[in-house]
Amino acid sequence: MKQEKENFELVKESEDEKENYIFQKDKTTKTVTFFVIGILIILIIAVILSSFFFN
């Protein structure tokens, strides 16, 4: 028995009625995305600075 290919979308527009999506294009998703990117940048800078101090 073959399984049908699933049709997932990466980003869902707010007016679409589909259920197969990963992210929804709204204010919350944008805010969380910028927050996570900011935290990752801070962590990368911390690792680089710690390599100078604990060399």
C-alpha atoms as a PDB file:
ATOM      1  CA  MET A   1       0.000   0.000   0.000  1.00  0.00           C
ATOM      2  CA  LYS A   2       1.501   3.342  -1.053  1.00  0.00           C
ATOM      3  CA  GLN A   3       1.262   6.391   1.097  1.00  0.00           C
ATOM      4  CA  GLU A   4       0.136   9.539  -0.665  1.00  0.00           C
ATOM      5  CA  LYS A   5       2.564  12.407  -0.858  1.00  0.00           C
ATOM      6  CA  GLU A   6       1.768  15.022   1.794  1.00  0.00           C
ATOM      7  CA  ASN A   7       1.432  18.615   0.658  1.00  0.00           C
ATOM      8  CA  PHE A   8       2.907  20.857   3.371  1.00  0.00           C
ATOM      9  CA  GLU A   9       3.316  24.600   2.968  1.00  0.00           C
ATOM     10  CA  LEU A  10       6.094  26.460   4.759  1.00  0.00           C
ATOM     11  CA  VAL A  11       4.162  29.689   5.383  1.00  0.00           C
ATOM     12  CA  LYS A  12       0.398  30.087   5.625  1.00  0.00           C
ATOM     13  CA  GLU A  13      -1.235  33.343   4.678  1.00  0.00           C
ATOM     14  CA  SER A  14      -3.738  34.582   7.247  1.00  0.00           C
ATOM     15  CA  GLU A  15      -6.706  34.341   4.861  1.00  0.00           C
ATOM     16  CA  ASP A  16      -5.977  30.781   3.666  1.00  0.00           C
ATOM     17  CA  GLU A  17      -8.073  27.930   5.040  1.00  0.00           C
ATOM     18  CA  LYS A  18      -5.487  25.141   4.649  1.00  0.00           C
ATOM     19  CA  GLU A  19      -4.277  23.029   7.567  1.00  0.00           C
ATOM     20  CA  ASN A  20      -0.908  21.720   6.317  1.00  0.00           C
ATOM     21  CA  TYR A  21       1.525  24.502   7.190  1.00  0.00           C
ATOM     22  CA  ILE A  22       4.547  25.038   9.403  1.00  0.00           C
ATOM     23  CA  PHE A  23       4.497  28.807  10.025  1.00  0.00           C
ATOM     24  CA  GLN A  24       1.649  31.280   9.883  1.00  0.00           C
ATOM     25  CA  LYS A  25       2.362  34.748   8.535  1.00  0.00           C
ATOM     26  CA  ASP A  26       1.350  36.946  11.458  1.00  0.00           C
ATOM     27  CA  LYS A  27       2.819  39.307  14.059  1.00  0.00           C
ATOM     28  CA  THR A  28       3.583  36.571  16.601  1.00  0.00           C
ATOM     29  CA  THR A  29       5.653  34.517  14.158  1.00  0.00           C
ATOM     30  CA  LYS A  30       7.688  37.563  13.107  1.00  0.00           C
ATOM     31  CA  THR A  31       8.306  38.609  16.725  1.00  0.00           C
ATOM     32  CA  VAL A  32       9.440  35.142  17.805  1.00  0.00           C
ATOM     33  CA  THR A  33      11.652  34.799  14.717  1.00  0.00           C
ATOM     34  CA  PHE A  34      13.493  38.050  15.466  1.00  0.00           C
ATOM     35  CA  PHE A  35      13.803  37.090  19.154  1.00  0.00           C
ATOM     36  CA  VAL A  36      15.335  33.684  18.338  1.00  0.00           C
ATOM     37  CA  ILE A  37      17.730  35.182  15.786  1.00  0.00           C
ATOM     38  CA  GLY A  38      18.796  37.802  18.358  1.00  0.00           C
ATOM     39  CA  ILE A  39      19.471  35.147  21.003  1.00  0.00           C
ATOM     40  CA  LEU A  40      21.499  33.090  18.511  1.00  0.00           C
ATOM     41  CA  ILE A  41      23.613  36.114  17.596  1.00  0.00           C
ATOM     42  CA  ILE A  42      24.255  36.844  21.286  1.00  0.00           C
ATOM     43  CA  LEU A  43      25.296  33.220  21.869  1.00  0.00           C
ATOM     44  CA  ILE A  44      27.643  33.234  18.865  1.00  0.00           C
ATOM     45  CA  ILE A  45      29.283  36.440  20.107  1.00  0.00           C
ATOM     46  CA  ALA A  46      29.609  34.936  23.599  1.00  0.00           C
ATOM     47  CA  VAL A  47      31.353  31.833  22.221  1.00  0.00           C
ATOM     48  CA  ILE A  48      33.760  33.964  20.197  1.00  0.00           C
ATOM     49  CA  LEU A  49      34.572  36.198  23.184  1.00  0.00           C
ATOM     50  CA  SER A  50      35.007  33.238  25.517  1.00  0.00           C
ATOM     51  CA  SER A  51      37.557  31.711  23.140  1.00  0.00           C
ATOM     52  CA  PHE A  52      39.752  34.806  23.672  1.00  0.00           C
ATOM     53  CA  PHE A  53      39.492  34.700  27.472  1.00  0.00           C
ATOM     54  CA  PHE A  54      39.894  30.922  27.976  1.00  0.00           C
ATOM     55  CA  ASN A  55      42.580  30.343  25.368  1.00  0.00           C
END
